[in-house]
């Protein structure tokens, strides 16, 4: 036996290695079973920041209700003046100061004009001024804060000290001065007056975000490959502040709407026969004892918009930065 085995080792060395492989062979794993969603090895759908933020926003009931109410208000202001059977500027003293009825759901004003239609037209002006002024505020604040935060050093110190000096300007008195100089009554004059002294906080917020973001590795890599500072700022830094800017829009909007209402209430707003919610409140103040609904209607509309914007901003803040809710 020993001679035979030794002969096999000398004559057939491959046979011995084959036997050893057969005895030491590991069991092969079973093939993966296909899942219900698709075949094995199918790519997993990647998520994104905005998709996750949208799902988190939908779980906030107050923010969802506020968003629906906000869209309903916008749809009312856009659609109803088109389909309304009443001329918003037609004067009919025979129906002056009528209470709410089926013909006039919100009543009429002192000139007999339908308040349901006038409120929608006033909402167009007020919301238009609010969004236009907010966009101007963001444009100035983002540009100023991004340059200060990205360049840093002496430029940052000089721009921030100048901003500290501008903080001493009172908001509404400065807007009144602007309207007195340029003359009130037009849409764009109101936008300039409401935005010229309101971008300071936005500039500080953007500056803080840029200072934090420019320390990331992708910014250093962009510097290493020779990218210019303007490209780094526009391509990498500003898009990452978009979430903060969306929240800032809904945080600035209530203040601008209230500022427009105040300026219109004291007689510096939109000139008649055009209307805004502030000018309608001014008309109602003159006749609040005879027809209190004239001042109640625009006041409810202003409160509706402000509450919706605040709840939407709160929901967006929790959705885009869930750590704030945890803390």
C-alpha atoms as a PDB file:
ATOM      1  CA  UNK A   1       0.000   0.000   0.000  1.00  0.00           C
ATOM      2  CA  UNK A   2       2.770   2.350   0.825  1.00  0.00           C
ATOM      3  CA  UNK A   3       4.444   1.700  -2.474  1.00  0.00           C
ATOM      4  CA  UNK A   4       1.199   2.252  -4.341  1.00  0.00           C
ATOM      5  CA  UNK A   5       0.461   5.508  -2.595  1.00  0.00           C
ATOM      6  CA  UNK A   6       3.994   6.690  -3.118  1.00  0.00           C
ATOM      7  CA  UNK A   7       3.698   5.790  -6.778  1.00  0.00           C
ATOM      8  CA  UNK A   8       0.530   7.835  -7.103  1.00  0.00           C
ATOM      9  CA  UNK A   9       2.286  10.790  -5.549  1.00  0.00           C
ATOM     10  CA  UNK A  10       5.215  10.485  -7.934  1.00  0.00           C
ATOM     11  CA  UNK A  11       3.338   9.548 -11.091  1.00  0.00           C
ATOM     12  CA  UNK A  12       0.116  11.508 -10.641  1.00  0.00           C
ATOM     13  CA  UNK A  13       0.841  14.610  -8.548  1.00  0.00           C
ATOM     14  CA  UNK A  14      -2.201  16.394 -10.038  1.00  0.00           C
ATOM     15  CA  UNK A  15      -4.528  13.675  -8.750  1.00  0.00           C
ATOM     16  CA  UNK A  16      -3.503  14.349  -5.158  1.00  0.00           C
ATOM     17  CA  UNK A  17      -4.129  18.076  -5.505  1.00  0.00           C
ATOM     18  CA  UNK A  18      -7.562  17.412  -7.044  1.00  0.00           C
ATOM     19  CA  UNK A  19      -8.526  15.193  -4.102  1.00  0.00           C
ATOM     20  CA  UNK A  20      -7.380  17.819  -1.609  1.00  0.00           C
ATOM     21  CA  UNK A  21      -9.428  20.485  -3.392  1.00  0.00           C
ATOM     22  CA  UNK A  22     -12.490  18.233  -3.367  1.00  0.00           C
ATOM     23  CA  UNK A  23     -12.213  17.583   0.368  1.00  0.00           C
ATOM     24  CA  UNK A  24     -11.518  21.253   1.245  1.00  0.00           C
ATOM     25  CA  UNK A  25     -14.127  22.787  -1.085  1.00  0.00           C
ATOM     26  CA  UNK A  26     -16.376  25.270   0.704  1.00  0.00           C
ATOM     27  CA  UNK A  27     -20.127  25.147   0.172  1.00  0.00           C
ATOM     28  CA  UNK A  28     -21.317  27.626  -2.426  1.00  0.00           C
ATOM     29  CA  UNK A  29     -23.897  30.161  -1.189  1.00  0.00           C
ATOM     30  CA  UNK A  30     -27.388  29.890  -2.635  1.00  0.00           C
ATOM     31  CA  UNK A  31     -28.308  32.377  -5.364  1.00  0.00           C
ATOM     32  CA  UNK A  32     -30.049  35.535  -4.117  1.00  0.00           C
ATOM     33  CA  UNK A  33     -33.795  35.441  -4.323  1.00  0.00           C
ATOM     34  CA  UNK A  34     -35.395  38.234  -6.329  1.00  0.00           C
ATOM     35  CA  UNK A  35     -37.188  40.851  -4.259  1.00  0.00           C
ATOM     36  CA  UNK A  36     -40.730  42.059  -4.751  1.00  0.00           C
ATOM     37  CA  UNK A  37     -39.562  45.453  -5.958  1.00  0.00           C
ATOM     38  CA  UNK A  38     -37.451  44.077  -8.814  1.00  0.00           C
ATOM     39  CA  UNK A  39     -34.600  41.805  -9.780  1.00  0.00           C
ATOM     40  CA  UNK A  40     -31.592  41.246  -7.559  1.00  0.00           C
ATOM     41  CA  UNK A  41     -28.975  43.900  -7.921  1.00  0.00           C
ATOM     42  CA  UNK A  42     -31.432  46.596  -8.984  1.00  0.00           C
ATOM     43  CA  UNK A  43     -30.178  50.099  -8.129  1.00  0.00           C
ATOM     44  CA  UNK A  44     -31.654  51.763  -5.075  1.00  0.00           C
ATOM     45  CA  UNK A  45     -33.334  55.061  -5.794  1.00  0.00           C
ATOM     46  CA  UNK A  46     -31.286  57.812  -4.245  1.00  0.00           C
ATOM     47  CA  UNK A  47     -32.869  60.467  -2.092  1.00  0.00           C
ATOM     48  CA  UNK A  48     -32.249  64.192  -2.037  1.00  0.00           C
ATOM     49  CA  UNK A  49     -32.380  67.039   0.426  1.00  0.00           C
ATOM     50  CA  UNK A  50     -35.478  68.610  -1.121  1.00  0.00           C
ATOM     51  CA  UNK A  51     -37.395  65.316  -1.299  1.00  0.00           C
ATOM     52  CA  UNK A  52     -36.656  64.553   2.340  1.00  0.00           C
ATOM     53  CA  UNK A  53     -37.542  68.115   3.312  1.00  0.00           C
ATOM     54  CA  UNK A  54     -40.838  67.812   1.434  1.00  0.00           C
ATOM     55  CA  UNK A  55     -41.729  64.609   3.328  1.00  0.00           C
ATOM     56  CA  UNK A  56     -40.866  66.239   6.646  1.00  0.00           C
ATOM     57  CA  UNK A  57     -42.935  69.286   5.727  1.00  0.00           C
ATOM     58  CA  UNK A  58     -45.957  67.104   4.931  1.00  0.00           C
ATOM     59  CA  UNK A  59     -45.777  65.605   8.419  1.00  0.00           C
ATOM     60  CA  UNK A  60     -46.249  69.082   9.916  1.00  0.00           C
ATOM     61  CA  UNK A  61     -50.035  69.482   9.927  1.00  0.00           C
ATOM     62  CA  UNK A  62     -50.040  73.152  10.865  1.00  0.00           C
ATOM     63  CA  UNK A  63     -47.631  74.008   8.059  1.00  0.00           C
ATOM     64  CA  UNK A  64     -49.624  71.966   5.518  1.00  0.00           C
ATOM     65  CA  UNK A  65     -52.893  73.659   6.500  1.00  0.00           C
ATOM     66  CA  UNK A  66     -51.187  77.053   6.334  1.00  0.00           C
ATOM     67  CA  UNK A  67     -49.802  76.256   2.880  1.00  0.00           C
ATOM     68  CA  UNK A  68     -53.241  75.231   1.601  1.00  0.00           C
ATOM     69  CA  UNK A  69     -54.819  78.381   3.066  1.00  0.00           C
ATOM     70  CA  UNK A  70     -52.067  80.515   1.527  1.00  0.00           C
ATOM     71  CA  UNK A  71     -52.591  78.974  -1.918  1.00  0.00           C
ATOM     72  CA  UNK A  72     -56.355  79.379  -1.556  1.00  0.00           C
ATOM     73  CA  UNK A  73     -55.887  83.076  -0.796  1.00  0.00           C
ATOM     74  CA  UNK A  74     -53.606  83.501  -3.814  1.00  0.00           C
ATOM     75  CA  UNK A  75     -56.083  81.683  -6.064  1.00  0.00           C
ATOM     76  CA  UNK A  76     -58.923  83.887  -4.800  1.00  0.00           C
ATOM     77  CA  UNK A  77     -56.957  87.080  -5.497  1.00  0.00           C
ATOM     78  CA  UNK A  78     -55.956  85.933  -8.983  1.00  0.00           C
ATOM     79  CA  UNK A  79     -59.132  84.258 -10.228  1.00  0.00           C
ATOM     80  CA  UNK A  80     -62.079  86.067  -8.648  1.00  0.00           C
ATOM     81  CA  UNK A  81     -61.568  89.518 -10.262  1.00  0.00           C
ATOM     82  CA  UNK A  82     -61.622  87.780 -13.641  1.00  0.00           C
ATOM     83  CA  UNK A  83     -64.910  85.938 -13.079  1.00  0.00           C
ATOM     84  CA  UNK A  84     -66.606  88.509 -10.838  1.00  0.00           C
ATOM     85  CA  UNK A  85     -69.875  89.955 -12.200  1.00  0.00           C
ATOM     86  CA  UNK A  86     -69.146  93.330 -10.557  1.00  0.00           C
ATOM     87  CA  UNK A  87     -66.970  96.188 -11.705  1.00  0.00           C
ATOM     88  CA  UNK A  88     -64.661  96.917  -8.748  1.00  0.00           C
ATOM     89  CA  UNK A  89     -64.617 100.662  -9.524  1.00  0.00           C
ATOM     90  CA  UNK A  90     -68.296 101.156 -10.338  1.00  0.00           C
ATOM     91  CA  UNK A  91     -69.932 103.612  -7.919  1.00  0.00           C
ATOM     92  CA  UNK A  92     -73.528 102.983  -6.818  1.00  0.00           C
ATOM     93  CA  UNK A  93     -74.569 105.095  -3.851  1.00  0.00           C
ATOM     94  CA  UNK A  94     -77.904 103.290  -3.637  1.00  0.00           C
ATOM     95  CA  UNK A  95     -76.036 100.241  -2.308  1.00  0.00           C
ATOM     96  CA  UNK A  96     -73.533 102.105  -0.113  1.00  0.00           C
ATOM     97  CA  UNK A  97     -72.526 100.438   3.172  1.00  0.00           C
ATOM     98  CA  UNK A  98     -74.705  97.369   2.578  1.00  0.00           C
ATOM     99  CA  UNK A  99     -74.178  94.495   5.002  1.00  0.00           C
ATOM    100  CA  UNK A 100     -73.049  91.080   3.737  1.00  0.00           C
ATOM    101  CA  UNK A 101     -75.737  89.323   1.681  1.00  0.00           C
ATOM    102  CA  UNK A 102     -76.082  86.699  -1.046  1.00  0.00           C
ATOM    103  CA  UNK A 103     -75.543  89.322  -3.731  1.00  0.00           C
ATOM    104  CA  UNK A 104     -72.534  90.804  -1.946  1.00  0.00           C
ATOM    105  CA  UNK A 105     -70.947  88.140   0.329  1.00  0.00           C
ATOM    106  CA  UNK A 106     -68.733  90.712   2.100  1.00  0.00           C
ATOM    107  CA  UNK A 107     -71.040  93.716   1.700  1.00  0.00           C
ATOM    108  CA  UNK A 108     -70.270  96.984  -0.027  1.00  0.00           C
ATOM    109  CA  UNK A 109     -68.187 100.040   0.856  1.00  0.00           C
ATOM    110  CA  UNK A 110     -69.255 103.684   1.170  1.00  0.00           C
ATOM    111  CA  UNK A 111     -69.363 103.994  -2.640  1.00  0.00           C
ATOM    112  CA  UNK A 112     -71.452 100.888  -3.168  1.00  0.00           C
ATOM    113  CA  UNK A 113     -68.582  98.813  -4.573  1.00  0.00           C
ATOM    114  CA  UNK A 114     -68.550  95.070  -3.974  1.00  0.00           C
ATOM    115  CA  UNK A 115     -66.062  94.293  -1.199  1.00  0.00           C
ATOM    116  CA  UNK A 116     -65.593  90.675  -2.259  1.00  0.00           C
ATOM    117  CA  UNK A 117     -64.148  91.866  -5.556  1.00  0.00           C
ATOM    118  CA  UNK A 118     -62.310  94.834  -4.075  1.00  0.00           C
ATOM    119  CA  UNK A 119     -60.625  92.584  -1.495  1.00  0.00           C
ATOM    120  CA  UNK A 120     -59.334  90.299  -4.237  1.00  0.00           C
ATOM    121  CA  UNK A 121     -57.947  93.269  -6.199  1.00  0.00           C
ATOM    122  CA  UNK A 122     -56.446  94.739  -3.048  1.00  0.00           C
ATOM    123  CA  UNK A 123     -54.836  91.382  -2.347  1.00  0.00           C
ATOM    124  CA  UNK A 124     -53.199  91.445  -5.754  1.00  0.00           C
ATOM    125  CA  UNK A 125     -51.587  94.791  -4.956  1.00  0.00           C
ATOM    126  CA  UNK A 126     -50.627  93.998  -1.363  1.00  0.00           C
ATOM    127  CA  UNK A 127     -49.232  90.538  -2.090  1.00  0.00           C
ATOM    128  CA  UNK A 128     -47.487  91.836  -5.222  1.00  0.00           C
ATOM    129  CA  UNK A 129     -45.812  94.615  -3.237  1.00  0.00           C
ATOM    130  CA  UNK A 130     -44.923  92.117  -0.522  1.00  0.00           C
ATOM    131  CA  UNK A 131     -43.230  89.629  -2.838  1.00  0.00           C
ATOM    132  CA  UNK A 132     -41.534  92.317  -4.962  1.00  0.00           C
ATOM    133  CA  UNK A 133     -40.101  94.073  -1.899  1.00  0.00           C
ATOM    134  CA  UNK A 134     -39.025  90.732  -0.416  1.00  0.00           C
ATOM    135  CA  UNK A 135     -37.158  89.809  -3.606  1.00  0.00           C
ATOM    136  CA  UNK A 136     -35.404  93.196  -3.601  1.00  0.00           C
ATOM    137  CA  UNK A 137     -34.484  92.673   0.053  1.00  0.00           C
ATOM    138  CA  UNK A 138     -33.055  89.236  -0.743  1.00  0.00           C
ATOM    139  CA  UNK A 139     -31.133  90.488  -3.774  1.00  0.00           C
ATOM    140  CA  UNK A 140     -29.418  93.270  -1.815  1.00  0.00           C
ATOM    141  CA  UNK A 141     -28.928  91.230   1.359  1.00  0.00           C
ATOM    142  CA  UNK A 142     -27.568  88.148  -0.408  1.00  0.00           C
ATOM    143  CA  UNK A 143     -25.111  90.151  -2.509  1.00  0.00           C
ATOM    144  CA  UNK A 144     -23.872  92.210   0.423  1.00  0.00           C
ATOM    145  CA  UNK A 145     -23.651  89.327   2.900  1.00  0.00           C
ATOM    146  CA  UNK A 146     -22.061  86.889   0.436  1.00  0.00           C
ATOM    147  CA  UNK A 147     -19.280  89.306  -0.513  1.00  0.00           C
ATOM    148  CA  UNK A 148     -18.579  90.173   3.121  1.00  0.00           C
ATOM    149  CA  UNK A 149     -18.571  86.558   4.298  1.00  0.00           C
ATOM    150  CA  UNK A 150     -16.508  85.152   1.427  1.00  0.00           C
ATOM    151  CA  UNK A 151     -13.781  87.789   1.232  1.00  0.00           C
ATOM    152  CA  UNK A 152     -13.425  88.172   4.993  1.00  0.00           C
ATOM    153  CA  UNK A 153     -10.642  90.131   6.622  1.00  0.00           C
ATOM    154  CA  UNK A 154     -10.603  93.897   6.186  1.00  0.00           C
ATOM    155  CA  UNK A 155     -13.445  93.858   3.644  1.00  0.00           C
ATOM    156  CA  UNK A 156     -15.695  91.924   6.010  1.00  0.00           C
ATOM    157  CA  UNK A 157     -14.931  94.242   8.922  1.00  0.00           C
ATOM    158  CA  UNK A 158     -15.531  97.373   6.864  1.00  0.00           C
ATOM    159  CA  UNK A 159     -18.831  96.122   5.412  1.00  0.00           C
ATOM    160  CA  UNK A 160     -20.125  94.932   8.778  1.00  0.00           C
ATOM    161  CA  UNK A 161     -19.257  98.199  10.536  1.00  0.00           C
ATOM    162  CA  UNK A 162     -21.089 100.079   7.792  1.00  0.00           C
ATOM    163  CA  UNK A 163     -24.045  97.739   8.294  1.00  0.00           C
ATOM    164  CA  UNK A 164     -23.994  98.428  12.039  1.00  0.00           C
ATOM    165  CA  UNK A 165     -24.256 102.129  11.285  1.00  0.00           C
ATOM    166  CA  UNK A 166     -27.223 101.509   8.971  1.00  0.00           C
ATOM    167  CA  UNK A 167     -29.006  99.619  11.722  1.00  0.00           C
ATOM    168  CA  UNK A 168     -29.634 102.966  13.379  1.00  0.00           C
ATOM    169  CA  UNK A 169     -31.999 103.941  10.580  1.00  0.00           C
ATOM    170  CA  UNK A 170     -35.624 103.573  11.707  1.00  0.00           C
ATOM    171  CA  UNK A 171     -37.598 101.389   9.324  1.00  0.00           C
ATOM    172  CA  UNK A 172     -41.011 103.041   8.964  1.00  0.00           C
ATOM    173  CA  UNK A 173     -39.894 106.688   9.404  1.00  0.00           C
ATOM    174  CA  UNK A 174     -37.252 106.126   6.739  1.00  0.00           C
ATOM    175  CA  UNK A 175     -39.904 104.649   4.423  1.00  0.00           C
ATOM    176  CA  UNK A 176     -42.121 107.691   5.059  1.00  0.00           C
ATOM    177  CA  UNK A 177     -39.227 109.988   4.150  1.00  0.00           C
ATOM    178  CA  UNK A 178     -38.643 108.051   0.912  1.00  0.00           C
ATOM    179  CA  UNK A 179     -42.320 108.326  -0.014  1.00  0.00           C
ATOM    180  CA  UNK A 180     -42.338 112.037   0.803  1.00  0.00           C
ATOM    181  CA  UNK A 181     -39.310 112.619  -1.437  1.00  0.00           C
ATOM    182  CA  UNK A 182     -40.335 110.488  -4.424  1.00  0.00           C
ATOM    183  CA  UNK A 183     -44.082 110.776  -3.955  1.00  0.00           C
ATOM    184  CA  UNK A 184     -46.335 107.909  -2.906  1.00  0.00           C
ATOM    185  CA  UNK A 185     -49.128 106.226  -4.758  1.00  0.00           C
ATOM    186  CA  UNK A 186     -47.272 103.960  -7.223  1.00  0.00           C
ATOM    187  CA  UNK A 187     -46.415 100.281  -6.961  1.00  0.00           C
ATOM    188  CA  UNK A 188     -42.648 100.565  -7.397  1.00  0.00           C
ATOM    189  CA  UNK A 189     -42.331 103.555  -5.089  1.00  0.00           C
ATOM    190  CA  UNK A 190     -43.873 101.445  -2.333  1.00  0.00           C
ATOM    191  CA  UNK A 191     -41.494  98.599  -3.134  1.00  0.00           C
ATOM    192  CA  UNK A 192     -38.436 100.861  -2.873  1.00  0.00           C
ATOM    193  CA  UNK A 193     -39.646 102.496   0.329  1.00  0.00           C
ATOM    194  CA  UNK A 194     -40.322  99.140   2.012  1.00  0.00           C
ATOM    195  CA  UNK A 195     -37.094  97.442   0.938  1.00  0.00           C
ATOM    196  CA  UNK A 196     -34.453 100.158   1.185  1.00  0.00           C
ATOM    197  CA  UNK A 197     -34.042  99.788   4.959  1.00  0.00           C
ATOM    198  CA  UNK A 198     -35.078  96.137   5.410  1.00  0.00           C
ATOM    199  CA  UNK A 199     -32.187  94.084   3.989  1.00  0.00           C
ATOM    200  CA  UNK A 200     -29.823  94.379   6.962  1.00  0.00           C
ATOM    201  CA  UNK A 201     -30.908  91.192   8.758  1.00  0.00           C
ATOM    202  CA  UNK A 202     -30.824  89.165   5.534  1.00  0.00           C
ATOM    203  CA  UNK A 203     -27.256  90.309   4.883  1.00  0.00           C
ATOM    204  CA  UNK A 204     -26.167  89.162   8.340  1.00  0.00           C
ATOM    205  CA  UNK A 205     -27.839  85.750   7.909  1.00  0.00           C
ATOM    206  CA  UNK A 206     -26.216  85.137   4.517  1.00  0.00           C
ATOM    207  CA  UNK A 207     -22.822  86.286   5.797  1.00  0.00           C
ATOM    208  CA  UNK A 208     -22.968  83.776   8.652  1.00  0.00           C
ATOM    209  CA  UNK A 209     -23.922  80.957   6.287  1.00  0.00           C
ATOM    210  CA  UNK A 210     -21.119  81.789   3.842  1.00  0.00           C
ATOM    211  CA  UNK A 211     -18.516  81.933   6.621  1.00  0.00           C
ATOM    212  CA  UNK A 212     -19.592  78.451   7.764  1.00  0.00           C
ATOM    213  CA  UNK A 213     -19.787  76.905   4.290  1.00  0.00           C
ATOM    214  CA  UNK A 214     -16.493  78.216   2.928  1.00  0.00           C
ATOM    215  CA  UNK A 215     -14.569  76.038   5.397  1.00  0.00           C
ATOM    216  CA  UNK A 216     -15.832  72.822   3.758  1.00  0.00           C
ATOM    217  CA  UNK A 217     -13.547  70.528   1.792  1.00  0.00           C
ATOM    218  CA  UNK A 218     -15.242  71.051  -1.557  1.00  0.00           C
ATOM    219  CA  UNK A 219     -14.489  74.785  -1.359  1.00  0.00           C
ATOM    220  CA  UNK A 220     -10.837  74.055  -0.617  1.00  0.00           C
ATOM    221  CA  UNK A 221     -10.773  71.628  -3.547  1.00  0.00           C
ATOM    222  CA  UNK A 222     -12.201  74.301  -5.821  1.00  0.00           C
ATOM    223  CA  UNK A 223      -9.466  76.675  -4.646  1.00  0.00           C
ATOM    224  CA  UNK A 224      -6.861  73.980  -5.292  1.00  0.00           C
ATOM    225  CA  UNK A 225      -7.887  73.465  -8.914  1.00  0.00           C
ATOM    226  CA  UNK A 226      -7.734  77.214  -9.542  1.00  0.00           C
ATOM    227  CA  UNK A 227     -11.417  78.165  -9.603  1.00  0.00           C
ATOM    228  CA  UNK A 228     -12.091  81.880  -9.317  1.00  0.00           C
ATOM    229  CA  UNK A 229     -13.781  83.244  -6.228  1.00  0.00           C
ATOM    230  CA  UNK A 230     -16.840  84.388  -8.167  1.00  0.00           C
ATOM    231  CA  UNK A 231     -17.374  80.891  -9.572  1.00  0.00           C
ATOM    232  CA  UNK A 232     -16.939  79.300  -6.140  1.00  0.00           C
ATOM    233  CA  UNK A 233     -19.421  81.734  -4.659  1.00  0.00           C
ATOM    234  CA  UNK A 234     -22.039  81.302  -7.377  1.00  0.00           C
ATOM    235  CA  UNK A 235     -21.535  77.577  -8.006  1.00  0.00           C
ATOM    236  CA  UNK A 236     -20.897  76.092  -4.567  1.00  0.00           C
ATOM    237  CA  UNK A 237     -21.785  78.481  -1.747  1.00  0.00           C
ATOM    238  CA  UNK A 238     -24.943  80.356  -2.738  1.00  0.00           C
ATOM    239  CA  UNK A 239     -26.887  77.221  -3.826  1.00  0.00           C
ATOM    240  CA  UNK A 240     -26.262  75.761  -0.366  1.00  0.00           C
ATOM    241  CA  UNK A 241     -27.911  78.805   1.231  1.00  0.00           C
ATOM    242  CA  UNK A 242     -31.114  78.317  -0.790  1.00  0.00           C
ATOM    243  CA  UNK A 243     -32.949  76.693   2.120  1.00  0.00           C
ATOM    244  CA  UNK A 244     -32.235  79.653   4.367  1.00  0.00           C
ATOM    245  CA  UNK A 245     -33.339  82.068   1.640  1.00  0.00           C
ATOM    246  CA  UNK A 246     -36.668  80.273   1.143  1.00  0.00           C
ATOM    247  CA  UNK A 247     -37.356  80.593   4.857  1.00  0.00           C
ATOM    248  CA  UNK A 248     -36.296  84.245   4.754  1.00  0.00           C
ATOM    249  CA  UNK A 249     -38.894  84.957   2.044  1.00  0.00           C
ATOM    250  CA  UNK A 250     -41.754  83.840   4.278  1.00  0.00           C
ATOM    251  CA  UNK A 251     -40.247  85.572   7.314  1.00  0.00           C
ATOM    252  CA  UNK A 252     -39.859  88.908   5.519  1.00  0.00           C
ATOM    253  CA  UNK A 253     -43.253  88.790   3.788  1.00  0.00           C
ATOM    254  CA  UNK A 254     -45.420  89.503   6.898  1.00  0.00           C
ATOM    255  CA  UNK A 255     -43.313  92.516   7.861  1.00  0.00           C
ATOM    256  CA  UNK A 256     -43.524  93.966   4.371  1.00  0.00           C
ATOM    257  CA  UNK A 257     -47.298  93.415   4.210  1.00  0.00           C
ATOM    258  CA  UNK A 258     -47.752  95.136   7.575  1.00  0.00           C
ATOM    259  CA  UNK A 259     -45.491  97.994   6.473  1.00  0.00           C
ATOM    260  CA  UNK A 260     -47.533  98.498   3.316  1.00  0.00           C
ATOM    261  CA  UNK A 261     -50.767  98.406   5.325  1.00  0.00           C
ATOM    262  CA  UNK A 262     -49.436 100.991   7.763  1.00  0.00           C
ATOM    263  CA  UNK A 263     -48.246 103.353   5.035  1.00  0.00           C
ATOM    264  CA  UNK A 264     -51.551 103.015   3.188  1.00  0.00           C
ATOM    265  CA  UNK A 265     -53.486 103.526   6.418  1.00  0.00           C
ATOM    266  CA  UNK A 266     -51.839 106.886   7.018  1.00  0.00           C
ATOM    267  CA  UNK A 267     -52.510 107.958   3.431  1.00  0.00           C
ATOM    268  CA  UNK A 268     -49.139 107.260   1.763  1.00  0.00           C
ATOM    269  CA  UNK A 269     -50.114 104.099  -0.065  1.00  0.00           C
ATOM    270  CA  UNK A 270     -51.680 103.242  -3.391  1.00  0.00           C
ATOM    271  CA  UNK A 271     -53.647 106.074  -4.966  1.00  0.00           C
ATOM    272  CA  UNK A 272     -57.380 105.594  -5.678  1.00  0.00           C
ATOM    273  CA  UNK A 273     -59.202 104.096  -7.497  1.00  0.00           C
ATOM    274  CA  UNK A 274     -56.679 101.274  -7.086  1.00  0.00           C
ATOM    275  CA  UNK A 275     -56.892  99.518  -3.775  1.00  0.00           C
ATOM    276  CA  UNK A 276     -54.712  97.613  -1.368  1.00  0.00           C
ATOM    277  CA  UNK A 277     -55.649  96.038   1.929  1.00  0.00           C
ATOM    278  CA  UNK A 278     -54.132  98.986   3.757  1.00  0.00           C
ATOM    279  CA  UNK A 279     -56.099 101.578   1.789  1.00  0.00           C
ATOM    280  CA  UNK A 280     -59.281  99.538   2.289  1.00  0.00           C
ATOM    281  CA  UNK A 281     -58.623  99.545   6.039  1.00  0.00           C
ATOM    282  CA  UNK A 282     -58.216 103.319   5.860  1.00  0.00           C
ATOM    283  CA  UNK A 283     -61.608 103.609   4.126  1.00  0.00           C
ATOM    284  CA  UNK A 284     -63.149 101.397   6.777  1.00  0.00           C
ATOM    285  CA  UNK A 285     -61.696 103.463   9.598  1.00  0.00           C
ATOM    286  CA  UNK A 286     -63.626 106.481   8.361  1.00  0.00           C
ATOM    287  CA  UNK A 287     -66.924 104.610   8.527  1.00  0.00           C
ATOM    288  CA  UNK A 288     -66.352 101.931  11.167  1.00  0.00           C
ATOM    289  CA  UNK A 289     -69.312 103.100  13.270  1.00  0.00           C
ATOM    290  CA  UNK A 290     -71.773 102.959  10.372  1.00  0.00           C
ATOM    291  CA  UNK A 291     -70.361  99.893   8.557  1.00  0.00           C
ATOM    292  CA  UNK A 292     -67.764  98.026  10.654  1.00  0.00           C
ATOM    293  CA  UNK A 293     -67.470  95.251   8.068  1.00  0.00           C
ATOM    294  CA  UNK A 294     -65.519  97.590   5.773  1.00  0.00           C
ATOM    295  CA  UNK A 295     -62.518  97.573   8.124  1.00  0.00           C
ATOM    296  CA  UNK A 296     -63.005  93.993   9.341  1.00  0.00           C
ATOM    297  CA  UNK A 297     -62.676  92.444   5.862  1.00  0.00           C
ATOM    298  CA  UNK A 298     -59.168  93.761   4.964  1.00  0.00           C
ATOM    299  CA  UNK A 299     -58.012  93.222   8.537  1.00  0.00           C
ATOM    300  CA  UNK A 300     -58.950  89.525   8.347  1.00  0.00           C
ATOM    301  CA  UNK A 301     -57.225  89.240   4.977  1.00  0.00           C
ATOM    302  CA  UNK A 302     -53.999  90.749   6.364  1.00  0.00           C
ATOM    303  CA  UNK A 303     -54.132  88.513   9.445  1.00  0.00           C
ATOM    304  CA  UNK A 304     -54.798  85.459   7.235  1.00  0.00           C
ATOM    305  CA  UNK A 305     -51.744  86.129   5.102  1.00  0.00           C
ATOM    306  CA  UNK A 306     -49.441  86.884   8.036  1.00  0.00           C
ATOM    307  CA  UNK A 307     -50.427  83.776  10.002  1.00  0.00           C
ATOM    308  CA  UNK A 308     -50.059  81.541   6.944  1.00  0.00           C
ATOM    309  CA  UNK A 309     -46.625  82.958   6.121  1.00  0.00           C
ATOM    310  CA  UNK A 310     -45.407  82.476   9.707  1.00  0.00           C
ATOM    311  CA  UNK A 311     -46.615  78.869   9.896  1.00  0.00           C
ATOM    312  CA  UNK A 312     -45.112  78.091   6.486  1.00  0.00           C
ATOM    313  CA  UNK A 313     -41.769  79.594   7.530  1.00  0.00           C
ATOM    314  CA  UNK A 314     -41.815  77.567  10.754  1.00  0.00           C
ATOM    315  CA  UNK A 315     -42.596  74.369   8.844  1.00  0.00           C
ATOM    316  CA  UNK A 316     -39.882  75.035   6.276  1.00  0.00           C
ATOM    317  CA  UNK A 317     -37.345  75.677   9.010  1.00  0.00           C
ATOM    318  CA  UNK A 318     -38.118  72.324  10.653  1.00  0.00           C
ATOM    319  CA  UNK A 319     -38.140  70.540   7.300  1.00  0.00           C
ATOM    320  CA  UNK A 320     -34.877  71.941   5.953  1.00  0.00           C
ATOM    321  CA  UNK A 321     -33.017  71.716   9.272  1.00  0.00           C
ATOM    322  CA  UNK A 322     -34.542  68.978  11.458  1.00  0.00           C
ATOM    323  CA  UNK A 323     -31.888  69.540  14.158  1.00  0.00           C
ATOM    324  CA  UNK A 324     -33.677  72.734  15.197  1.00  0.00           C
ATOM    325  CA  UNK A 325     -36.768  70.716  16.067  1.00  0.00           C
ATOM    326  CA  UNK A 326     -34.728  68.191  18.066  1.00  0.00           C
ATOM    327  CA  UNK A 327     -33.085  70.906  20.136  1.00  0.00           C
END
